[in-house]
Amino acid sequence: MTPDHFRALSDGGEVPFSEVVGVLRDELTSAGQDFAEVETEFALLREDPVRRLRRQLDLVHGSGLGLRILQQTLPVAVDVWPLMPYRDRNELLRRHYRAVHSLCCPMPPATGARLLAMSEAGRLHVVGGLDDVRRTGEGFSATADGRTIHAGTVINAGSVAPHRVPPAAAPLVRSLIASSAASAHPHGGLRVRRETNRLVADGGSQECFYALGDLTFGSLFITAAIPVIVKLAREIAREVLTP
């Protein structure tokens, strides 16, 4: 699972997602790991959240390395993503984006342990199907899945749609597009040149504008994970400092 390997596989063309999965399978096999461990996690995406948290915390000190290897491939995904056919990228975003994001970007174990302890003490309840939240005299009243829940504190744990530009950044994005300094990507972010992370407009790279993070969604895949941010920030710094 290296950028050079995938560039060789593409031979100037594309690398289907099925081939990316095959390379990951070979990577796990060469490390003595069972690919079924990763497949199981995708199959259990809808299990009870508290049961899932408890089970995954147990995996932290387990002998299986499948998920850890998957998480280490995140920086490589930045280079693989542009090589995949557009239809494969579109399907991955539509069906598996949140699953991949949750498995590749887990919360710290210490945070997970605190949440589990709060749940077991009856201080934290995880609910889905949220319809409405209203402030009451002593906290909040929430309607979820047809029932009403009363709570002192309500935490919104649902992430926004991946294609949304953050509201605070919307004026900047509109001005960049209007001035032809950037162009919109069909999946919602701004187009960037993968080799440099420079903004792309009118088919050419901008000399002075670079993008990092959620604004690059579409051109890149996982955009806000710390390993990805570090990798791209280093690359941009080299670009800026190179004479």
C-alpha atoms as a PDB file:
ATOM      1  CA  MET A   1       0.000   0.000   0.000  1.00  0.00           C
ATOM      2  CA  THR A   2       2.376   2.697  -1.247  1.00  0.00           C
ATOM      3  CA  PRO A   3       1.824   5.590  -3.670  1.00  0.00           C
ATOM      4  CA  ASP A   4       4.600   4.328  -5.950  1.00  0.00           C
ATOM      5  CA  HIS A   5       2.996   0.878  -6.154  1.00  0.00           C
ATOM      6  CA  PHE A   6      -0.367   2.309  -7.194  1.00  0.00           C
ATOM      7  CA  ARG A   7       1.192   4.667  -9.719  1.00  0.00           C
ATOM      8  CA  ALA A   8       2.917   1.634 -11.245  1.00  0.00           C
ATOM      9  CA  LEU A   9      -0.376  -0.277 -11.287  1.00  0.00           C
ATOM     10  CA  SER A  10      -2.122   2.581 -13.058  1.00  0.00           C
ATOM     11  CA  ASP A  11       0.598   2.862 -15.733  1.00  0.00           C
ATOM     12  CA  GLY A  12      -0.728   6.313 -16.530  1.00  0.00           C
ATOM     13  CA  GLY A  13      -4.339   5.148 -16.419  1.00  0.00           C
ATOM     14  CA  GLU A  14      -6.782   4.189 -13.669  1.00  0.00           C
ATOM     15  CA  VAL A  15      -6.853   1.736 -10.772  1.00  0.00           C
ATOM     16  CA  PRO A  16     -10.316   0.228 -10.068  1.00  0.00           C
ATOM     17  CA  PHE A  17     -11.477   0.170  -6.452  1.00  0.00           C
ATOM     18  CA  SER A  18     -11.609  -3.634  -6.582  1.00  0.00           C
ATOM     19  CA  GLU A  19      -7.867  -3.614  -7.281  1.00  0.00           C
ATOM     20  CA  VAL A  20      -7.255  -1.253  -4.351  1.00  0.00           C
ATOM     21  CA  VAL A  21      -9.082  -3.716  -2.086  1.00  0.00           C
ATOM     22  CA  GLY A  22      -6.962  -6.518  -3.536  1.00  0.00           C
ATOM     23  CA  VAL A  23      -3.755  -4.679  -2.665  1.00  0.00           C
ATOM     24  CA  LEU A  24      -5.016  -4.096   0.882  1.00  0.00           C
ATOM     25  CA  ARG A  25      -5.857  -7.800   1.168  1.00  0.00           C
ATOM     26  CA  ASP A  26      -2.323  -8.710   0.044  1.00  0.00           C
ATOM     27  CA  GLU A  27      -0.872  -6.197   2.524  1.00  0.00           C
ATOM     28  CA  LEU A  28      -2.757  -7.771   5.407  1.00  0.00           C
ATOM     29  CA  THR A  29      -1.881 -11.292   4.310  1.00  0.00           C
ATOM     30  CA  SER A  30       1.827 -10.424   4.096  1.00  0.00           C
ATOM     31  CA  ALA A  31       1.588  -9.137   7.695  1.00  0.00           C
ATOM     32  CA  GLY A  32       0.027 -12.401   8.821  1.00  0.00           C
ATOM     33  CA  GLN A  33      -3.414 -10.829   9.297  1.00  0.00           C
ATOM     34  CA  ASP A  34      -6.838 -12.030   8.217  1.00  0.00           C
ATOM     35  CA  PHE A  35      -8.725  -9.725   5.835  1.00  0.00           C
ATOM     36  CA  ALA A  36     -11.942 -11.063   7.395  1.00  0.00           C
ATOM     37  CA  GLU A  37     -11.269  -8.845  10.433  1.00  0.00           C
ATOM     38  CA  VAL A  38     -11.783  -5.750   8.300  1.00  0.00           C
ATOM     39  CA  GLU A  39     -14.776  -7.280   6.501  1.00  0.00           C
ATOM     40  CA  THR A  40     -16.387  -8.042   9.871  1.00  0.00           C
ATOM     41  CA  GLU A  41     -16.166  -4.402  10.939  1.00  0.00           C
ATOM     42  CA  PHE A  42     -18.025  -3.296   7.819  1.00  0.00           C
ATOM     43  CA  ALA A  43     -20.646  -6.000   8.380  1.00  0.00           C
ATOM     44  CA  LEU A  44     -21.260  -4.798  11.963  1.00  0.00           C
ATOM     45  CA  LEU A  45     -21.749  -1.115  11.226  1.00  0.00           C
ATOM     46  CA  ARG A  46     -25.325  -1.161  12.538  1.00  0.00           C
ATOM     47  CA  GLU A  47     -24.706  -2.973  15.811  1.00  0.00           C
ATOM     48  CA  ASP A  48     -25.739  -1.346  19.086  1.00  0.00           C
ATOM     49  CA  PRO A  49     -23.378   1.637  19.576  1.00  0.00           C
ATOM     50  CA  VAL A  50     -22.512   0.807  23.201  1.00  0.00           C
ATOM     51  CA  ARG A  51     -21.830  -2.829  22.344  1.00  0.00           C
ATOM     52  CA  ARG A  52     -19.705  -1.657  19.418  1.00  0.00           C
ATOM     53  CA  LEU A  53     -17.714   0.732  21.584  1.00  0.00           C
ATOM     54  CA  ARG A  54     -17.070  -1.969  24.197  1.00  0.00           C
ATOM     55  CA  ARG A  55     -16.010  -4.497  21.547  1.00  0.00           C
ATOM     56  CA  GLN A  56     -13.697  -2.092  19.751  1.00  0.00           C
ATOM     57  CA  LEU A  57     -12.070  -0.997  23.004  1.00  0.00           C
ATOM     58  CA  ASP A  58     -11.257  -4.659  23.626  1.00  0.00           C
ATOM     59  CA  LEU A  59      -9.574  -4.742  20.202  1.00  0.00           C
ATOM     60  CA  VAL A  60      -7.136  -1.968  21.210  1.00  0.00           C
ATOM     61  CA  HIS A  61      -5.065  -4.422  23.223  1.00  0.00           C
ATOM     62  CA  GLY A  62      -5.804  -7.415  20.994  1.00  0.00           C
ATOM     63  CA  SER A  63      -3.327  -9.183  18.738  1.00  0.00           C
ATOM     64  CA  GLY A  64      -5.136  -8.378  15.491  1.00  0.00           C
ATOM     65  CA  LEU A  65      -3.482  -5.679  13.390  1.00  0.00           C
ATOM     66  CA  GLY A  66      -5.982  -5.507  10.523  1.00  0.00           C
ATOM     67  CA  LEU A  67      -7.700  -2.271  11.556  1.00  0.00           C
ATOM     68  CA  ARG A  68      -4.402  -0.680  12.582  1.00  0.00           C
ATOM     69  CA  ILE A  69      -2.933  -1.386   9.162  1.00  0.00           C
ATOM     70  CA  LEU A  70      -6.091  -0.009   7.539  1.00  0.00           C
ATOM     71  CA  GLN A  71      -5.722   3.182   9.573  1.00  0.00           C
ATOM     72  CA  GLN A  72      -2.075   3.530   8.509  1.00  0.00           C
ATOM     73  CA  THR A  73      -3.147   3.520   4.852  1.00  0.00           C
ATOM     74  CA  LEU A  74      -4.967   6.854   5.205  1.00  0.00           C
ATOM     75  CA  PRO A  75      -2.110   9.015   3.878  1.00  0.00           C
ATOM     76  CA  VAL A  76      -1.760   6.608   0.941  1.00  0.00           C
ATOM     77  CA  ALA A  77      -5.470   7.033   0.117  1.00  0.00           C
ATOM     78  CA  VAL A  78      -4.738  10.648  -0.790  1.00  0.00           C
ATOM     79  CA  ASP A  79      -2.570   9.450  -3.682  1.00  0.00           C
ATOM     80  CA  VAL A  80      -4.775   6.515  -4.687  1.00  0.00           C
ATOM     81  CA  TRP A  81      -8.023   8.503  -4.852  1.00  0.00           C
ATOM     82  CA  PRO A  82      -7.233  10.478  -8.054  1.00  0.00           C
ATOM     83  CA  LEU A  83      -6.184   7.240  -9.793  1.00  0.00           C
ATOM     84  CA  MET A  84      -9.566   5.554  -9.285  1.00  0.00           C
ATOM     85  CA  PRO A  85     -12.302   5.765 -11.958  1.00  0.00           C
ATOM     86  CA  TYR A  86     -14.837   8.510 -11.288  1.00  0.00           C
ATOM     87  CA  ARG A  87     -17.699   5.982 -11.033  1.00  0.00           C
ATOM     88  CA  ASP A  88     -15.808   4.060  -8.333  1.00  0.00           C
ATOM     89  CA  ARG A  89     -15.094   7.224  -6.374  1.00  0.00           C
ATOM     90  CA  ASN A  90     -18.719   8.298  -6.622  1.00  0.00           C
ATOM     91  CA  GLU A  91     -19.935   4.903  -5.392  1.00  0.00           C
ATOM     92  CA  LEU A  92     -17.441   4.869  -2.520  1.00  0.00           C
ATOM     93  CA  LEU A  93     -18.587   8.299  -1.375  1.00  0.00           C
ATOM     94  CA  ARG A  94     -22.253   7.394  -1.693  1.00  0.00           C
ATOM     95  CA  ARG A  95     -22.182   4.024   0.066  1.00  0.00           C
ATOM     96  CA  HIS A  96     -19.085   3.747   2.235  1.00  0.00           C
ATOM     97  CA  TYR A  97     -17.716   7.200   3.113  1.00  0.00           C
ATOM     98  CA  ARG A  98     -18.923   7.308   6.722  1.00  0.00           C
ATOM     99  CA  ALA A  99     -17.963   3.677   7.329  1.00  0.00           C
ATOM    100  CA  VAL A 100     -14.405   4.178   6.057  1.00  0.00           C
ATOM    101  CA  HIS A 101     -14.120   7.446   7.957  1.00  0.00           C
ATOM    102  CA  SER A 102     -15.246   5.905  11.256  1.00  0.00           C
ATOM    103  CA  LEU A 103     -12.915   2.909  10.950  1.00  0.00           C
ATOM    104  CA  CYS A 104      -9.884   4.848   9.729  1.00  0.00           C
ATOM    105  CA  CYS A 105     -10.298   7.833  12.081  1.00  0.00           C
ATOM    106  CA  PRO A 106     -11.329   6.353  15.457  1.00  0.00           C
ATOM    107  CA  MET A 107     -11.585   8.356  18.657  1.00  0.00           C
ATOM    108  CA  PRO A 108      -8.689   8.012  21.141  1.00  0.00           C
ATOM    109  CA  PRO A 109      -9.078   4.936  23.398  1.00  0.00           C
ATOM    110  CA  ALA A 110      -9.108   7.125  26.524  1.00  0.00           C
ATOM    111  CA  THR A 111     -12.105   9.039  25.168  1.00  0.00           C
ATOM    112  CA  GLY A 112     -13.865   5.800  24.263  1.00  0.00           C
ATOM    113  CA  ALA A 113     -13.278   4.406  27.764  1.00  0.00           C
ATOM    114  CA  ARG A 114     -14.759   7.530  29.378  1.00  0.00           C
ATOM    115  CA  LEU A 115     -17.831   7.385  27.138  1.00  0.00           C
ATOM    116  CA  LEU A 116     -18.322   3.693  27.906  1.00  0.00           C
ATOM    117  CA  ALA A 117     -18.031   4.343  31.654  1.00  0.00           C
ATOM    118  CA  MET A 118     -20.627   7.124  31.409  1.00  0.00           C
ATOM    119  CA  SER A 119     -22.946   4.833  29.465  1.00  0.00           C
ATOM    120  CA  GLU A 120     -22.628   1.998  31.965  1.00  0.00           C
ATOM    121  CA  ALA A 121     -23.307   4.454  34.804  1.00  0.00           C
ATOM    122  CA  GLY A 122     -26.519   5.576  33.107  1.00  0.00           C
ATOM    123  CA  ARG A 123     -25.213   9.098  32.462  1.00  0.00           C
ATOM    124  CA  LEU A 124     -24.990   8.788  28.682  1.00  0.00           C
ATOM    125  CA  HIS A 125     -27.550   7.447  26.208  1.00  0.00           C
ATOM    126  CA  VAL A 126     -26.894   7.135  22.476  1.00  0.00           C
ATOM    127  CA  VAL A 127     -29.985   7.475  20.256  1.00  0.00           C
ATOM    128  CA  GLY A 128     -30.592   7.674  16.534  1.00  0.00           C
ATOM    129  CA  GLY A 129     -33.515   8.848  14.425  1.00  0.00           C
ATOM    130  CA  LEU A 130     -33.487  12.309  16.018  1.00  0.00           C
ATOM    131  CA  ASP A 131     -36.444  14.449  14.917  1.00  0.00           C
ATOM    132  CA  ASP A 132     -36.552  17.416  17.273  1.00  0.00           C
ATOM    133  CA  VAL A 133     -34.767  19.011  20.260  1.00  0.00           C
ATOM    134  CA  ARG A 134     -36.336  21.667  22.458  1.00  0.00           C
ATOM    135  CA  ARG A 135     -35.077  23.487  25.536  1.00  0.00           C
ATOM    136  CA  THR A 136     -37.102  22.929  28.695  1.00  0.00           C
ATOM    137  CA  GLY A 137     -36.892  24.428  32.155  1.00  0.00           C
ATOM    138  CA  GLU A 138     -34.498  21.727  33.371  1.00  0.00           C
ATOM    139  CA  GLY A 139     -32.582  20.818  30.237  1.00  0.00           C
ATOM    140  CA  PHE A 140     -33.807  19.490  26.916  1.00  0.00           C
ATOM    141  CA  SER A 141     -36.604  17.418  25.460  1.00  0.00           C
ATOM    142  CA  ALA A 142     -35.605  15.324  22.425  1.00  0.00           C
ATOM    143  CA  THR A 143     -37.842  13.343  20.104  1.00  0.00           C
ATOM    144  CA  ALA A 144     -36.147  10.308  18.532  1.00  0.00           C
ATOM    145  CA  ASP A 145     -37.704   7.313  16.809  1.00  0.00           C
ATOM    146  CA  GLY A 146     -41.165   8.362  17.969  1.00  0.00           C
ATOM    147  CA  ARG A 147     -40.328   8.646  21.678  1.00  0.00           C
ATOM    148  CA  THR A 148     -39.489  11.607  23.878  1.00  0.00           C
ATOM    149  CA  ILE A 149     -36.316  11.710  25.961  1.00  0.00           C
ATOM    150  CA  HIS A 150     -35.453  14.240  28.673  1.00  0.00           C
ATOM    151  CA  ALA A 151     -31.801  15.121  29.213  1.00  0.00           C
ATOM    152  CA  GLY A 152     -29.694  17.701  30.993  1.00  0.00           C
ATOM    153  CA  THR A 153     -27.285  17.900  28.053  1.00  0.00           C
ATOM    154  CA  VAL A 154     -27.720  16.991  24.373  1.00  0.00           C
ATOM    155  CA  ILE A 155     -24.678  16.345  22.194  1.00  0.00           C
ATOM    156  CA  ASN A 156     -24.971  16.376  18.419  1.00  0.00           C
ATOM    157  CA  ALA A 157     -22.709  13.506  17.328  1.00  0.00           C
ATOM    158  CA  GLY A 158     -23.823  13.494  13.704  1.00  0.00           C
ATOM    159  CA  SER A 159     -21.370  14.927  11.187  1.00  0.00           C
ATOM    160  CA  VAL A 160     -22.558  17.154   8.371  1.00  0.00           C
ATOM    161  CA  ALA A 161     -22.916  15.862   4.837  1.00  0.00           C
ATOM    162  CA  PRO A 162     -19.420  15.357   3.381  1.00  0.00           C
ATOM    163  CA  HIS A 163     -20.066  17.621   0.402  1.00  0.00           C
ATOM    164  CA  ARG A 164     -21.016  20.696   2.432  1.00  0.00           C
ATOM    165  CA  VAL A 165     -18.774  23.747   2.531  1.00  0.00           C
ATOM    166  CA  PRO A 166     -18.594  25.038   6.130  1.00  0.00           C
ATOM    167  CA  PRO A 167     -20.856  28.119   6.418  1.00  0.00           C
ATOM    168  CA  ALA A 168     -18.002  30.274   7.714  1.00  0.00           C
ATOM    169  CA  ALA A 169     -15.960  29.428   4.615  1.00  0.00           C
ATOM    170  CA  ALA A 170     -18.789  29.924   2.096  1.00  0.00           C
ATOM    171  CA  PRO A 171     -18.054  33.628   1.338  1.00  0.00           C
ATOM    172  CA  LEU A 172     -14.385  32.823   0.722  1.00  0.00           C
ATOM    173  CA  VAL A 173     -15.258  29.909  -1.561  1.00  0.00           C
ATOM    174  CA  ARG A 174     -17.750  32.003  -3.542  1.00  0.00           C
ATOM    175  CA  SER A 175     -15.246  34.831  -3.990  1.00  0.00           C
ATOM    176  CA  LEU A 176     -12.501  32.446  -5.157  1.00  0.00           C
ATOM    177  CA  ILE A 177     -14.814  30.890  -7.755  1.00  0.00           C
ATOM    178  CA  ALA A 178     -16.207  34.276  -8.863  1.00  0.00           C
ATOM    179  CA  SER A 179     -12.689  35.652  -9.400  1.00  0.00           C
ATOM    180  CA  SER A 180     -11.636  32.524 -11.351  1.00  0.00           C
ATOM    181  CA  ALA A 181      -9.061  31.695  -8.692  1.00  0.00           C
ATOM    182  CA  ALA A 182     -10.747  28.346  -8.038  1.00  0.00           C
ATOM    183  CA  SER A 183     -13.318  25.971  -9.488  1.00  0.00           C
ATOM    184  CA  ALA A 184     -15.919  23.805  -7.770  1.00  0.00           C
ATOM    185  CA  HIS A 185     -15.572  20.034  -7.663  1.00  0.00           C
ATOM    186  CA  PRO A 186     -18.731  18.005  -8.478  1.00  0.00           C
ATOM    187  CA  HIS A 187     -18.561  16.391  -5.032  1.00  0.00           C
ATOM    188  CA  GLY A 188     -18.715  19.711  -3.239  1.00  0.00           C
ATOM    189  CA  GLY A 189     -15.213  20.996  -2.490  1.00  0.00           C
ATOM    190  CA  LEU A 190     -12.713  22.885  -4.614  1.00  0.00           C
ATOM    191  CA  ARG A 191     -10.555  21.332  -7.292  1.00  0.00           C
ATOM    192  CA  VAL A 192      -6.899  20.961  -6.329  1.00  0.00           C
ATOM    193  CA  ARG A 193      -3.907  19.511  -8.123  1.00  0.00           C
ATOM    194  CA  ARG A 194      -2.922  16.438  -6.139  1.00  0.00           C
ATOM    195  CA  GLU A 195       0.796  16.836  -6.817  1.00  0.00           C
ATOM    196  CA  THR A 196       0.913  20.299  -5.228  1.00  0.00           C
ATOM    197  CA  ASN A 197      -2.479  20.914  -3.555  1.00  0.00           C
ATOM    198  CA  ARG A 198      -2.764  24.118  -5.557  1.00  0.00           C
ATOM    199  CA  LEU A 199      -6.232  25.287  -6.481  1.00  0.00           C
ATOM    200  CA  VAL A 200      -7.285  24.567 -10.053  1.00  0.00           C
ATOM    201  CA  ALA A 201      -9.320  26.953 -12.200  1.00  0.00           C
ATOM    202  CA  ASP A 202      -9.880  27.123 -15.970  1.00  0.00           C
ATOM    203  CA  GLY A 203      -7.919  23.903 -16.336  1.00  0.00           C
ATOM    204  CA  GLY A 204      -4.709  25.271 -14.831  1.00  0.00           C
ATOM    205  CA  SER A 205      -3.107  25.390 -11.382  1.00  0.00           C
ATOM    206  CA  GLN A 206      -2.968  28.639  -9.444  1.00  0.00           C
ATOM    207  CA  GLU A 207       0.502  29.830  -8.521  1.00  0.00           C
ATOM    208  CA  CYS A 208      -0.340  31.344  -5.135  1.00  0.00           C
ATOM    209  CA  PHE A 209      -3.350  29.479  -3.717  1.00  0.00           C
ATOM    210  CA  TYR A 210      -3.193  26.164  -1.872  1.00  0.00           C
ATOM    211  CA  ALA A 211      -6.005  24.330  -0.115  1.00  0.00           C
ATOM    212  CA  LEU A 212      -5.993  21.933   2.820  1.00  0.00           C
ATOM    213  CA  GLY A 213      -8.735  20.161   4.745  1.00  0.00           C
ATOM    214  CA  ASP A 214     -12.463  19.950   3.988  1.00  0.00           C
ATOM    215  CA  LEU A 215     -12.292  22.472   1.145  1.00  0.00           C
ATOM    216  CA  THR A 216     -10.454  19.841  -0.911  1.00  0.00           C
ATOM    217  CA  PHE A 217     -13.253  17.268  -0.574  1.00  0.00           C
ATOM    218  CA  GLY A 218     -13.872  15.543  -3.899  1.00  0.00           C
ATOM    219  CA  SER A 219     -10.402  16.135  -5.234  1.00  0.00           C
ATOM    220  CA  LEU A 220      -9.232  14.193  -2.176  1.00  0.00           C
ATOM    221  CA  PHE A 221     -11.011  11.584  -0.041  1.00  0.00           C
ATOM    222  CA  ILE A 222     -10.427  11.683   3.736  1.00  0.00           C
ATOM    223  CA  THR A 223      -9.604  15.361   4.157  1.00  0.00           C
ATOM    224  CA  ALA A 224      -9.629  16.125   7.894  1.00  0.00           C
ATOM    225  CA  ALA A 225      -7.748  13.186   9.446  1.00  0.00           C
ATOM    226  CA  ILE A 226      -4.597  14.321  11.264  1.00  0.00           C
ATOM    227  CA  PRO A 227      -2.212  11.953   9.359  1.00  0.00           C
ATOM    228  CA  VAL A 228      -3.552  13.323   6.065  1.00  0.00           C
ATOM    229  CA  ILE A 229      -3.324  16.944   7.224  1.00  0.00           C
ATOM    230  CA  VAL A 230       0.290  16.392   8.344  1.00  0.00           C
ATOM    231  CA  LYS A 231       1.288  14.729   5.060  1.00  0.00           C
ATOM    232  CA  LEU A 232      -0.259  17.445   2.879  1.00  0.00           C
ATOM    233  CA  ALA A 233       0.944  20.310   5.081  1.00  0.00           C
ATOM    234  CA  ARG A 234       4.515  19.047   4.708  1.00  0.00           C
ATOM    235  CA  GLU A 235       4.108  18.827   0.945  1.00  0.00           C
ATOM    236  CA  ILE A 236       2.681  22.350   0.734  1.00  0.00           C
ATOM    237  CA  ALA A 237       5.480  23.696   2.933  1.00  0.00           C
ATOM    238  CA  ARG A 238       8.069  22.141   0.604  1.00  0.00           C
ATOM    239  CA  GLU A 239       6.309  23.703  -2.397  1.00  0.00           C
ATOM    240  CA  VAL A 240       6.248  27.147  -0.803  1.00  0.00           C
ATOM    241  CA  LEU A 241       9.872  27.015   0.377  1.00  0.00           C
ATOM    242  CA  THR A 242      11.366  25.545  -2.796  1.00  0.00           C
ATOM    243  CA  PRO A 243      12.987  28.318  -4.870  1.00  0.00           C
END
